[in-house]
Each structure stands twice: as structure tokens, then as C-alpha cells.
PDB file of N, CA and C in Angstrom:
ATOM      1  N   UNK A   1     -45.355 -30.793   8.703  1.00  0.00           N
ATOM      2  CA  UNK A   1     -44.037 -29.793   7.802  1.00  0.00           C
ATOM      3  C   UNK A   1     -43.790 -28.684   9.059  1.00  0.00           C
ATOM      4  N   UNK A   2     -44.930 -28.247   9.343  1.00  0.00           N
ATOM      5  CA  UNK A   2     -44.596 -26.753  10.077  1.00  0.00           C
ATOM      6  C   UNK A   2     -43.837 -27.019  11.401  1.00  0.00           C
ATOM      7  N   UNK A   3     -43.932 -28.272  11.954  1.00  0.00           N
ATOM      8  CA  UNK A   3     -43.240 -28.291  12.738  1.00  0.00           C
ATOM      9  C   UNK A   3     -41.673 -28.554  12.820  1.00  0.00           C
ATOM     10  N   UNK A   4     -40.950 -28.698  11.758  1.00  0.00           N
ATOM     11  CA  UNK A   4     -39.518 -28.789  11.320  1.00  0.00           C
ATOM     12  C   UNK A   4     -38.967 -27.354  11.352  1.00  0.00           C
ATOM     13  N   UNK A   5     -40.133 -26.200  10.485  1.00  0.00           N
ATOM     14  CA  UNK A   5     -39.549 -25.103  10.506  1.00  0.00           C
ATOM     15  C   UNK A   5     -38.680 -24.192  11.734  1.00  0.00           C
ATOM     16  N   UNK A   6     -37.386 -23.865  11.412  1.00  0.00           N
ATOM     17  CA  UNK A   6     -36.965 -23.109  12.117  1.00  0.00           C
ATOM     18  C   UNK A   6     -37.045 -21.543  12.796  1.00  0.00           C
ATOM     19  N   UNK A   7     -38.230 -21.251  13.592  1.00  0.00           N
ATOM     20  CA  UNK A   7     -38.740 -20.834  13.312  1.00  0.00           C
ATOM     21  C   UNK A   7     -37.811 -19.500  14.798  1.00  0.00           C
ATOM     22  N   UNK A   8     -37.928 -17.743  13.936  1.00  0.00           N
ATOM     23  CA  UNK A   8     -37.073 -16.907  14.701  1.00  0.00           C
ATOM     24  C   UNK A   8     -35.655 -16.638  14.593  1.00  0.00           C
ATOM     25  N   UNK A   9     -35.108 -17.820  13.780  1.00  0.00           N
ATOM     26  CA  UNK A   9     -33.957 -17.496  13.223  1.00  0.00           C
ATOM     27  C   UNK A   9     -33.200 -16.974  11.750  1.00  0.00           C
ATOM     28  N   UNK A  10     -32.637 -15.941  11.513  1.00  0.00           N
ATOM     29  CA  UNK A  10     -31.916 -15.399  10.805  1.00  0.00           C
ATOM     30  C   UNK A  10     -31.013 -16.369   9.476  1.00  0.00           C
ATOM     31  N   UNK A  11     -31.345 -16.722   8.477  1.00  0.00           N
ATOM     32  CA  UNK A  11     -30.427 -17.502   7.864  1.00  0.00           C
ATOM     33  C   UNK A  11     -29.055 -16.802   8.151  1.00  0.00           C
ATOM     34  N   UNK A  12     -28.177 -17.612   8.061  1.00  0.00           N
ATOM     35  CA  UNK A  12     -26.368 -17.187   8.747  1.00  0.00           C
ATOM     36  C   UNK A  12     -26.643 -16.195   9.187  1.00  0.00           C
ATOM     37  N   UNK A  13     -27.639 -16.250  10.126  1.00  0.00           N
ATOM     38  CA  UNK A  13     -27.451 -15.017  11.406  1.00  0.00           C
ATOM     39  C   UNK A  13     -26.642 -15.849  12.402  1.00  0.00           C
ATOM     40  N   UNK A  14     -27.152 -16.815  13.043  1.00  0.00           N
ATOM     41  CA  UNK A  14     -26.111 -17.243  13.742  1.00  0.00           C
ATOM     42  C   UNK A  14     -25.850 -18.815  14.098  1.00  0.00           C
ATOM     43  N   UNK A  15     -25.093 -19.586  14.789  1.00  0.00           N
ATOM     44  CA  UNK A  15     -24.296 -21.284  14.014  1.00  0.00           C
ATOM     45  C   UNK A  15     -25.376 -21.634  15.288  1.00  0.00           C
ATOM     46  N   UNK A  16     -25.604 -22.556  15.354  1.00  0.00           N
ATOM     47  CA  UNK A  16     -26.460 -23.681  16.060  1.00  0.00           C
ATOM     48  C   UNK A  16     -25.437 -24.838  16.611  1.00  0.00           C
ATOM     49  N   UNK A  17     -24.322 -24.691  16.327  1.00  0.00           N
ATOM     50  CA  UNK A  17     -23.352 -25.579  16.531  1.00  0.00           C
ATOM     51  C   UNK A  17     -22.851 -25.532  17.760  1.00  0.00           C
ATOM     52  N   UNK A  18     -22.275 -26.331  19.090  1.00  0.00           N
ATOM     53  CA  UNK A  18     -21.682 -26.479  20.099  1.00  0.00           C
ATOM     54  C   UNK A  18     -20.345 -25.413  20.295  1.00  0.00           C
ATOM     55  N   UNK A  19     -20.300 -24.437  20.754  1.00  0.00           N
ATOM     56  CA  UNK A  19     -19.242 -23.554  20.808  1.00  0.00           C
ATOM     57  C   UNK A  19     -18.111 -24.020  21.339  1.00  0.00           C
ATOM     58  N   UNK A  20     -18.353 -24.940  21.909  1.00  0.00           N
ATOM     59  CA  UNK A  20     -17.233 -26.052  23.217  1.00  0.00           C
ATOM     60  C   UNK A  20     -16.088 -26.528  22.089  1.00  0.00           C
ATOM     61  N   UNK A  21     -17.148 -26.848  20.860  1.00  0.00           N
ATOM     62  CA  UNK A  21     -16.540 -27.981  20.529  1.00  0.00           C
ATOM     63  C   UNK A  21     -15.727 -27.665  19.021  1.00  0.00           C
ATOM     64  N   UNK A  22     -15.726 -25.920  18.885  1.00  0.00           N
ATOM     65  CA  UNK A  22     -15.142 -25.445  17.807  1.00  0.00           C
ATOM     66  C   UNK A  22     -14.082 -24.971  17.937  1.00  0.00           C
ATOM     67  N   UNK A  23     -12.956 -25.568  17.602  1.00  0.00           N
ATOM     68  CA  UNK A  23     -11.393 -24.843  17.848  1.00  0.00           C
ATOM     69  C   UNK A  23     -10.996 -23.887  16.389  1.00  0.00           C
ATOM     70  N   UNK A  24     -10.740 -22.693  17.336  1.00  0.00           N
ATOM     71  CA  UNK A  24     -10.256 -22.156  16.602  1.00  0.00           C
ATOM     72  C   UNK A  24      -8.472 -21.897  15.812  1.00  0.00           C
ATOM     73  N   UNK A  25      -8.452 -21.270  14.783  1.00  0.00           N
ATOM     74  CA  UNK A  25      -7.092 -21.579  14.499  1.00  0.00           C
ATOM     75  C   UNK A  25      -6.379 -20.404  14.943  1.00  0.00           C
ATOM     76  N   UNK A  26      -5.003 -20.857  14.935  1.00  0.00           N
ATOM     77  CA  UNK A  26      -4.293 -19.846  15.920  1.00  0.00           C
ATOM     78  C   UNK A  26      -3.851 -18.650  15.561  1.00  0.00           C
ATOM     79  N   UNK A  27      -3.565 -17.717  16.620  1.00  0.00           N
ATOM     80  CA  UNK A  27      -3.826 -15.923  16.041  1.00  0.00           C
ATOM     81  C   UNK A  27      -2.628 -15.649  17.015  1.00  0.00           C
ATOM     82  N   UNK A  28      -2.455 -14.245  16.392  1.00  0.00           N
ATOM     83  CA  UNK A  28      -1.394 -13.443  16.897  1.00  0.00           C
ATOM     84  C   UNK A  28      -2.006 -12.045  16.882  1.00  0.00           C
ATOM     85  N   UNK A  29      -1.650 -11.127  17.705  1.00  0.00           N
ATOM     86  CA  UNK A  29      -2.228  -9.764  17.931  1.00  0.00           C
ATOM     87  C   UNK A  29      -0.782  -8.822  17.880  1.00  0.00           C
ATOM     88  N   UNK A  30      -1.239  -7.955  17.087  1.00  0.00           N
ATOM     89  CA  UNK A  30      -0.199  -7.483  16.653  1.00  0.00           C
ATOM     90  C   UNK A  30      -0.683  -5.844  16.886  1.00  0.00           C
ATOM     91  N   UNK A  31       0.593  -5.278  17.437  1.00  0.00           N
ATOM     92  CA  UNK A  31      -0.198  -3.849  18.453  1.00  0.00           C
ATOM     93  C   UNK A  31       0.582  -3.048  17.054  1.00  0.00           C
ATOM     94  N   UNK A  32      -0.364  -1.374  17.121  1.00  0.00           N
ATOM     95  CA  UNK A  32      -0.122  -0.737  15.939  1.00  0.00           C
ATOM     96  C   UNK A  32      -0.064   0.681  16.757  1.00  0.00           C
ATOM     97  N   UNK A  33       0.648   1.835  16.605  1.00  0.00           N
ATOM     98  CA  UNK A  33       0.780   3.181  16.702  1.00  0.00           C
ATOM     99  C   UNK A  33       0.502   3.951  15.920  1.00  0.00           C
ATOM    100  N   UNK A  34      -0.424   5.001  16.264  1.00  0.00           N
ATOM    101  CA  UNK A  34      -0.517   6.178  15.099  1.00  0.00           C
ATOM    102  C   UNK A  34      -0.285   7.571  15.604  1.00  0.00           C
ATOM    103  N   UNK A  35       0.257   8.221  14.501  1.00  0.00           N
ATOM    104  CA  UNK A  35       0.750   9.133  14.603  1.00  0.00           C
ATOM    105  C   UNK A  35       0.145  10.216  15.634  1.00  0.00           C
ATOM    106  N   UNK A  36      -1.026   9.973  15.756  1.00  0.00           N
ATOM    107  CA  UNK A  36      -1.874  10.907  17.181  1.00  0.00           C
ATOM    108  C   UNK A  36      -1.724  10.347  18.545  1.00  0.00           C
ATOM    109  N   UNK A  37      -1.172   9.529  18.384  1.00  0.00           N
ATOM    110  CA  UNK A  37      -0.656   8.853  20.025  1.00  0.00           C
ATOM    111  C   UNK A  37      -1.534   8.099  20.275  1.00  0.00           C
ATOM    112  N   UNK A  38      -2.796   7.316  19.098  1.00  0.00           N
ATOM    113  CA  UNK A  38      -3.458   6.081  19.705  1.00  0.00           C
ATOM    114  C   UNK A  38      -2.765   4.557  19.620  1.00  0.00           C
ATOM    115  N   UNK A  39      -2.675   3.749  20.576  1.00  0.00           N
ATOM    116  CA  UNK A  39      -2.433   2.324  20.234  1.00  0.00           C
ATOM    117  C   UNK A  39      -3.553   1.481  20.173  1.00  0.00           C
ATOM    118  N   UNK A  40      -3.630   0.786  18.891  1.00  0.00           N
ATOM    119  CA  UNK A  40      -4.619  -0.613  19.078  1.00  0.00           C
ATOM    120  C   UNK A  40      -3.928  -1.745  18.474  1.00  0.00           C
ATOM    121  N   UNK A  41      -4.924  -2.504  19.181  1.00  0.00           N
ATOM    122  CA  UNK A  41      -4.138  -3.979  18.462  1.00  0.00           C
ATOM    123  C   UNK A  41      -5.224  -4.792  17.518  1.00  0.00           C
ATOM    124  N   UNK A  42      -4.522  -5.467  16.151  1.00  0.00           N
ATOM    125  CA  UNK A  42      -5.611  -6.092  15.432  1.00  0.00           C
ATOM    126  C   UNK A  42      -5.054  -7.790  15.480  1.00  0.00           C
ATOM    127  N   UNK A  43      -6.322  -8.648  15.312  1.00  0.00           N
ATOM    128  CA  UNK A  43      -6.015 -10.013  15.349  1.00  0.00           C
ATOM    129  C   UNK A  43      -5.772 -10.623  14.140  1.00  0.00           C
ATOM    130  N   UNK A  44      -4.622 -11.220  13.872  1.00  0.00           N
ATOM    131  CA  UNK A  44      -4.170 -11.910  12.542  1.00  0.00           C
ATOM    132  C   UNK A  44      -4.231 -13.795  12.725  1.00  0.00           C
ATOM    133  N   UNK A  45      -4.270 -14.705  11.757  1.00  0.00           N
ATOM    134  CA  UNK A  45      -3.975 -15.956  12.102  1.00  0.00           C
ATOM    135  C   UNK A  45      -2.717 -15.716  11.708  1.00  0.00           C
ATOM    136  N   UNK A  46      -1.914 -16.523  12.570  1.00  0.00           N
ATOM    137  CA  UNK A  46      -0.940 -16.920  12.662  1.00  0.00           C
ATOM    138  C   UNK A  46       0.396 -17.108  11.483  1.00  0.00           C
ATOM    139  N   UNK A  47      -0.622 -17.536  10.274  1.00  0.00           N
ATOM    140  CA  UNK A  47       0.004 -17.985   9.098  1.00  0.00           C
ATOM    141  C   UNK A  47      -0.126 -16.618   8.189  1.00  0.00           C
ATOM    142  N   UNK A  48      -0.685 -15.893   8.540  1.00  0.00           N
ATOM    143  CA  UNK A  48      -1.106 -14.526   7.638  1.00  0.00           C
ATOM    144  C   UNK A  48      -0.013 -13.991   7.226  1.00  0.00           C
ATOM    145  N   UNK A  49      -0.053 -13.110   6.395  1.00  0.00           N
ATOM    146  CA  UNK A  49       1.361 -12.430   5.904  1.00  0.00           C
ATOM    147  C   UNK A  49       1.335 -10.929   7.017  1.00  0.00           C
ATOM    148  N   UNK A  50       1.635 -10.672   7.474  1.00  0.00           N
ATOM    149  CA  UNK A  50       1.732  -9.263   8.681  1.00  0.00           C
ATOM    150  C   UNK A  50       2.070  -7.478   7.378  1.00  0.00           C
ATOM    151  N   UNK A  51       1.254  -6.886   7.758  1.00  0.00           N
ATOM    152  CA  UNK A  51       1.331  -5.577   6.993  1.00  0.00           C
ATOM    153  C   UNK A  51       1.491  -4.846   8.442  1.00  0.00           C
ATOM    154  N   UNK A  52       2.919  -3.806   7.496  1.00  0.00           N
ATOM    155  CA  UNK A  52       3.310  -3.201   8.362  1.00  0.00           C
ATOM    156  C   UNK A  52       2.594  -1.777   9.113  1.00  0.00           C
ATOM    157  N   UNK A  53       1.532  -1.595   8.063  1.00  0.00           N
ATOM    158  CA  UNK A  53       0.954  -0.164   8.181  1.00  0.00           C
ATOM    159  C   UNK A  53      -0.571  -1.025   8.552  1.00  0.00           C
ATOM    160  N   UNK A  54      -1.957   0.062   9.217  1.00  0.00           N
ATOM    161  CA  UNK A  54      -3.030  -0.797   9.261  1.00  0.00           C
ATOM    162  C   UNK A  54      -3.115   1.188  10.043  1.00  0.00           C
ATOM    163  N   UNK A  55      -5.148   1.191   9.035  1.00  0.00           N
ATOM    164  CA  UNK A  55      -5.734   2.622   9.380  1.00  0.00           C
ATOM    165  C   UNK A  55      -6.162   2.292  11.070  1.00  0.00           C
ATOM    166  N   UNK A  56      -5.926   3.546  11.894  1.00  0.00           N
ATOM    167  CA  UNK A  56      -6.537   3.185  13.302  1.00  0.00           C
ATOM    168  C   UNK A  56      -7.723   3.480  12.787  1.00  0.00           C
ATOM    169  N   UNK A  57      -8.817   3.041  14.144  1.00  0.00           N
ATOM    170  CA  UNK A  57      -9.770   2.832  14.064  1.00  0.00           C
ATOM    171  C   UNK A  57     -10.524   3.839  14.461  1.00  0.00           C
ATOM    172  N   UNK A  58      -9.822   4.710  15.632  1.00  0.00           N
ATOM    173  CA  UNK A  58     -10.212   6.502  16.337  1.00  0.00           C
ATOM    174  C   UNK A  58     -10.364   7.496  14.947  1.00  0.00           C
ATOM    175  N   UNK A  59      -9.391   7.550  14.402  1.00  0.00           N
ATOM    176  CA  UNK A  59      -8.698   8.468  13.604  1.00  0.00           C
ATOM    177  C   UNK A  59      -8.350   8.371  11.861  1.00  0.00           C
ATOM    178  N   UNK A  60      -8.435   7.379  12.003  1.00  0.00           N
ATOM    179  CA  UNK A  60      -8.256   6.813  10.618  1.00  0.00           C
ATOM    180  C   UNK A  60      -6.845   7.272   9.730  1.00  0.00           C
ATOM    181  N   UNK A  61      -5.938   7.971  10.804  1.00  0.00           N
ATOM    182  CA  UNK A  61      -4.467   8.054  10.312  1.00  0.00           C
ATOM    183  C   UNK A  61      -3.865   6.524   9.876  1.00  0.00           C
ATOM    184  N   UNK A  62      -2.749   6.674   9.491  1.00  0.00           N
ATOM    185  CA  UNK A  62      -2.050   5.359   9.512  1.00  0.00           C
ATOM    186  C   UNK A  62      -1.369   5.203  10.305  1.00  0.00           C
ATOM    187  N   UNK A  63      -1.211   3.851  11.118  1.00  0.00           N
ATOM    188  CA  UNK A  63      -0.597   3.777  12.375  1.00  0.00           C
ATOM    189  C   UNK A  63       0.218   2.394  12.210  1.00  0.00           C
ATOM    190  N   UNK A  64       1.543   2.588  12.682  1.00  0.00           N
ATOM    191  CA  UNK A  64       2.250   1.772  12.188  1.00  0.00           C
ATOM    192  C   UNK A  64       3.008   0.779  13.318  1.00  0.00           C
ATOM    193  N   UNK A  65       3.696  -0.625  13.245  1.00  0.00           N
ATOM    194  CA  UNK A  65       3.782  -1.345  14.063  1.00  0.00           C
ATOM    195  C   UNK A  65       4.069  -1.026  15.239  1.00  0.00           C
ATOM    196  N   UNK A  66       4.033  -1.518  16.320  1.00  0.00           N
ATOM    197  CA  UNK A  66       4.415  -1.008  17.484  1.00  0.00           C
ATOM    198  C   UNK A  66       6.228  -1.853  17.644  1.00  0.00           C
ATOM    199  N   UNK A  67       5.689  -3.009  17.057  1.00  0.00           N
ATOM    200  CA  UNK A  67       7.467  -3.756  17.293  1.00  0.00           C
ATOM    201  C   UNK A  67       8.332  -3.197  16.642  1.00  0.00           C
ATOM    202  N   UNK A  68       7.860  -2.098  15.731  1.00  0.00           N
ATOM    203  CA  UNK A  68       9.763  -1.789  15.385  1.00  0.00           C
ATOM    204  C   UNK A  68       9.838  -2.085  14.118  1.00  0.00           C
ATOM    205  N   UNK A  69       8.958  -2.902  13.595  1.00  0.00           N
ATOM    206  CA  UNK A  69       9.169  -3.687  12.110  1.00  0.00           C
ATOM    207  C   UNK A  69       8.753  -2.648  11.133  1.00  0.00           C
ATOM    208  N   UNK A  70      10.172  -2.199  10.058  1.00  0.00           N
ATOM    209  CA  UNK A  70       9.239  -1.422   9.020  1.00  0.00           C
ATOM    210  C   UNK A  70       9.185  -1.736   7.857  1.00  0.00           C
ATOM    211  N   UNK A  71       8.823  -0.984   7.139  1.00  0.00           N
ATOM    212  CA  UNK A  71       7.653  -1.673   5.886  1.00  0.00           C
ATOM    213  C   UNK A  71       9.430  -1.481   5.153  1.00  0.00           C
ATOM    214  N   UNK A  72       9.247  -2.364   4.078  1.00  0.00           N
ATOM    215  CA  UNK A  72      10.369  -2.487   2.942  1.00  0.00           C
ATOM    216  C   UNK A  72      10.558  -1.312   2.411  1.00  0.00           C
ATOM    217  N   UNK A  73      11.614  -0.822   1.789  1.00  0.00           N
ATOM    218  CA  UNK A  73      12.299   0.107   1.064  1.00  0.00           C
ATOM    219  C   UNK A  73      11.767  -0.457  -0.426  1.00  0.00           C
ATOM    220  N   UNK A  74      10.642   0.756  -1.065  1.00  0.00           N
ATOM    221  CA  UNK A  74      11.146   0.123  -2.484  1.00  0.00           C
ATOM    222  C   UNK A  74      12.025   0.337  -3.356  1.00  0.00           C
ATOM    223  N   UNK A  75      12.357  -0.288  -4.698  1.00  0.00           N
ATOM    224  CA  UNK A  75      13.698   0.833  -5.572  1.00  0.00           C
ATOM    225  C   UNK A  75      13.159   1.276  -6.008  1.00  0.00           C
ATOM    226  N   UNK A  76      13.984   2.539  -6.131  1.00  0.00           N
ATOM    227  CA  UNK A  76      12.569   3.611  -6.845  1.00  0.00           C
ATOM    228  C   UNK A  76      13.783   3.887  -7.501  1.00  0.00           C
ATOM    229  N   UNK A  77      13.456   4.359  -9.079  1.00  0.00           N
ATOM    230  CA  UNK A  77      14.283   5.017  -9.821  1.00  0.00           C
ATOM    231  C   UNK A  77      14.695   6.246  -9.799  1.00  0.00           C
ATOM    232  N   UNK A  78      15.693   7.113 -10.174  1.00  0.00           N
ATOM    233  CA  UNK A  78      15.406   8.179 -10.358  1.00  0.00           C
ATOM    234  C   UNK A  78      14.830   8.760 -11.433  1.00  0.00           C
ATOM    235  N   UNK A  79      14.130  10.413 -11.183  1.00  0.00           N
ATOM    236  CA  UNK A  79      13.047  10.759 -12.217  1.00  0.00           C
ATOM    237  C   UNK A  79      13.955  11.355 -13.422  1.00  0.00           C
ATOM    238  N   UNK A  80      13.698  10.660 -14.619  1.00  0.00           N
ATOM    239  CA  UNK A  80      14.364  11.269 -15.647  1.00  0.00           C
ATOM    240  C   UNK A  80      14.029  12.801 -15.959  1.00  0.00           C
ATOM    241  N   UNK A  81      14.889  13.572 -16.440  1.00  0.00           N
ATOM    242  CA  UNK A  81      14.699  14.807 -16.832  1.00  0.00           C
ATOM    243  C   UNK A  81      14.914  15.010 -17.969  1.00  0.00           C
ATOM    244  N   UNK A  82      14.426  16.006 -18.436  1.00  0.00           N
ATOM    245  CA  UNK A  82      14.194  16.385 -20.062  1.00  0.00           C
ATOM    246  C   UNK A  82      15.525  16.339 -20.928  1.00  0.00           C
ATOM    247  N   UNK A  83      16.459  16.379 -20.262  1.00  0.00           N
ATOM    248  CA  UNK A  83      17.924  16.354 -20.560  1.00  0.00           C
ATOM    249  C   UNK A  83      18.036  14.817 -20.592  1.00  0.00           C
ATOM    250  N   UNK A  84      17.915  13.660 -20.112  1.00  0.00           N
ATOM    251  CA  UNK A  84      18.332  12.550 -20.147  1.00  0.00           C
ATOM    252  C   UNK A  84      17.121  11.934 -20.774  1.00  0.00           C
ATOM    253  N   UNK A  85      16.029  12.448 -21.269  1.00  0.00           N
ATOM    254  CA  UNK A  85      15.412  11.908 -22.644  1.00  0.00           C
ATOM    255  C   UNK A  85      15.632  12.325 -23.780  1.00  0.00           C
ATOM    256  N   UNK A  86      16.458  13.489 -23.610  1.00  0.00           N
ATOM    257  CA  UNK A  86      16.752  14.477 -24.970  1.00  0.00           C
ATOM    258  C   UNK A  86      18.278  13.480 -25.750  1.00  0.00           C
ATOM    259  N   UNK A  87      18.580  13.249 -24.312  1.00  0.00           N
ATOM    260  CA  UNK A  87      20.157  11.963 -24.567  1.00  0.00           C
ATOM    261  C   UNK A  87      20.294  10.880 -24.827  1.00  0.00           C
ATOM    262  N   UNK A  88      19.271  10.155 -24.534  1.00  0.00           N
ATOM    263  CA  UNK A  88      18.029   8.808 -25.347  1.00  0.00           C
ATOM    264  C   UNK A  88      18.309   8.630 -26.505  1.00  0.00           C
ATOM    265  N   UNK A  89      17.696   9.889 -27.245  1.00  0.00           N
ATOM    266  CA  UNK A  89      17.645  10.179 -28.790  1.00  0.00           C
ATOM    267  C   UNK A  89      18.879  10.817 -29.888  1.00  0.00           C
ATOM    268  N   UNK A  90      19.299  11.653 -29.231  1.00  0.00           N
ATOM    269  CA  UNK A  90      20.482  12.455 -29.745  1.00  0.00           C
ATOM    270  C   UNK A  90      21.681  12.310 -28.952  1.00  0.00           C
ATOM    271  N   UNK A  91      23.174  12.419 -29.753  1.00  0.00           N
ATOM    272  CA  UNK A  91      24.452  12.418 -29.156  1.00  0.00           C
ATOM    273  C   UNK A  91      24.944  14.131 -29.001  1.00  0.00           C
ATOM    274  N   UNK A  92      25.685  13.616 -28.220  1.00  0.00           N
ATOM    275  CA  UNK A  92      26.033  15.396 -27.988  1.00  0.00           C
ATOM    276  C   UNK A  92      26.468  16.242 -29.535  1.00  0.00           C
ATOM    277  N   UNK A  93      26.764  15.269 -30.077  1.00  0.00           N
ATOM    278  CA  UNK A  93      27.716  15.836 -31.754  1.00  0.00           C
ATOM    279  C   UNK A  93      26.430  16.469 -32.466  1.00  0.00           C
ATOM    280  N   UNK A  94      25.375  15.615 -32.395  1.00  0.00           N
ATOM    281  CA  UNK A  94      24.131  16.098 -32.861  1.00  0.00           C
ATOM    282  C   UNK A  94      23.140  17.254 -32.288  1.00  0.00           C
ATOM    283  N   UNK A  95      23.884  17.604 -30.845  1.00  0.00           N
ATOM    284  CA  UNK A  95      23.091  18.435 -30.139  1.00  0.00           C
ATOM    285  C   UNK A  95      23.440  19.615 -30.335  1.00  0.00           C
ATOM    286  N   UNK A  96      24.813  19.412 -31.242  1.00  0.00           N
ATOM    287  CA  UNK A  96      25.983  20.720 -31.287  1.00  0.00           C
ATOM    288  C   UNK A  96      26.003  20.667 -32.865  1.00  0.00           C
ATOM    289  N   UNK A  97      25.576  20.263 -33.398  1.00  0.00           N
ATOM    290  CA  UNK A  97      25.256  21.139 -34.814  1.00  0.00           C
ATOM    291  C   UNK A  97      23.936  21.781 -34.554  1.00  0.00           C
ATOM    292  N   UNK A  98      23.212  21.025 -34.019  1.00  0.00           N
ATOM    293  CA  UNK A  98      21.381  21.622 -34.109  1.00  0.00           C
ATOM    294  C   UNK A  98      21.662  23.011 -33.414  1.00  0.00           C
ATOM    295  N   UNK A  99      22.270  22.841 -32.135  1.00  0.00           N
ATOM    296  CA  UNK A  99      22.704  24.565 -31.959  1.00  0.00           C
ATOM    297  C   UNK A  99      23.035  25.491 -32.600  1.00  0.00           C
ATOM    298  N   UNK A 100      24.022  25.267 -33.590  1.00  0.00           N
ATOM    299  CA  UNK A 100      24.839  26.105 -34.019  1.00  0.00           C
ATOM    300  C   UNK A 100      24.131  26.442 -35.503  1.00  0.00           C
ATOM    301  N   UNK A 101      23.058  25.854 -36.209  1.00  0.00           N
ATOM    302  CA  UNK A 101      21.999  25.635 -37.314  1.00  0.00           C
ATOM    303  C   UNK A 101      21.060  26.791 -36.711  1.00  0.00           C
ATOM    304  N   UNK A 102      20.451  26.523 -35.075  1.00  0.00           N
ATOM    305  CA  UNK A 102      19.618  27.419 -34.698  1.00  0.00           C
ATOM    306  C   UNK A 102      20.509  28.506 -34.739  1.00  0.00           C
ATOM    307  N   UNK A 103      21.531  28.907 -33.881  1.00  0.00           N
ATOM    308  CA  UNK A 103      22.208  30.346 -33.523  1.00  0.00           C
ATOM    309  C   UNK A 103      22.184  30.712 -35.114  1.00  0.00           C
ATOM    310  N   UNK A 104      22.587  30.358 -36.386  1.00  0.00           N
ATOM    311  CA  UNK A 104      22.882  31.101 -37.796  1.00  0.00           C
ATOM    312  C   UNK A 104      21.776  30.958 -37.846  1.00  0.00           C
ATOM    313  N   UNK A 105      20.089  30.882 -37.857  1.00  0.00           N
ATOM    314  CA  UNK A 105      19.588  31.229 -38.204  1.00  0.00           C
ATOM    315  C   UNK A 105      18.702  32.490 -37.069  1.00  0.00           C
ATOM    316  N   UNK A 106      19.186  32.627 -35.723  1.00  0.00           N
ATOM    317  CA  UNK A 106      18.828  33.208 -35.456  1.00  0.00           C
ATOM    318  C   UNK A 106      19.516  34.867 -35.755  1.00  0.00           C
ATOM    319  N   UNK A 107      20.930  34.723 -36.240  1.00  0.00           N
ATOM    320  CA  UNK A 107      21.695  35.798 -36.278  1.00  0.00           C
ATOM    321  C   UNK A 107      21.872  36.395 -37.692  1.00  0.00           C
ATOM    322  N   UNK A 108      21.106  35.345 -38.603  1.00  0.00           N
ATOM    323  CA  UNK A 108      20.506  35.917 -39.849  1.00  0.00           C
ATOM    324  C   UNK A 108      19.480  36.784 -39.837  1.00  0.00           C
ATOM    325  N   UNK A 109      18.330  36.187 -38.979  1.00  0.00           N
ATOM    326  CA  UNK A 109      17.257  37.077 -38.993  1.00  0.00           C
ATOM    327  C   UNK A 109      16.800  38.643 -38.589  1.00  0.00           C
ATOM    328  N   UNK A 110      18.665  39.181 -38.294  1.00  0.00           N
ATOM    329  CA  UNK A 110      18.830  39.808 -37.639  1.00  0.00           C
ATOM    330  C   UNK A 110      19.221  40.976 -38.427  1.00  0.00           C
TER     331      UNK A 110
END
């Protein structure tokens, strides 16, 4: 029983398969450039969805693809102001009436 034990081999540490028979999946290398001037390449599977940014391994800054592919611009909504939100709840006529009431209250206090 002791003759069959694998000695000196960590569990999951190494493959005992013959490397000449292993066929690797198709790959592609994509280059990235960070703002600090570092160029690096990352290997991806051929069918992988390629990112437009990747963290630089030297400085940690965001690196953009060096082949010129830019990230998709997401459609952004303009920021809503207080006036926009007020106009969703009240009409101009209602606002004018409220303003007139408030001005009357202020004038009568004097």
C-alpha cells in the first residue's frame, strides 16, 4: 500500500500529464498603455470579450488599449435640478399662485 503513494507531490500543485500532448486554447495578446508611460501586454482567450482598460502591473494606474479601441460611451441623463423636480409636481399657474400667497403673507407681516 505504501508503494503506491505519491510522495513529495503537493495536492494540485503539479500536473503529471505529458506537456507535449496538451493542446492550449487559442490566445491573443492585447497591448495596453498607462498614463505613466508603461506598456504591457495581457494574454486573453481568443473568444474572450476584450476589455478597453486594464490595471497597470507596475504602477496600478488604468491602462488603455494601445490598438486605439476606445470604451463605449454610456448614455447619461442630464442631472435633474430642483426646478425640474418642482415642475414635475406643480404647473406654472400653481407656482404663481403659491408665490402670490407667500408674497402677501410677507407684506402683511410688516
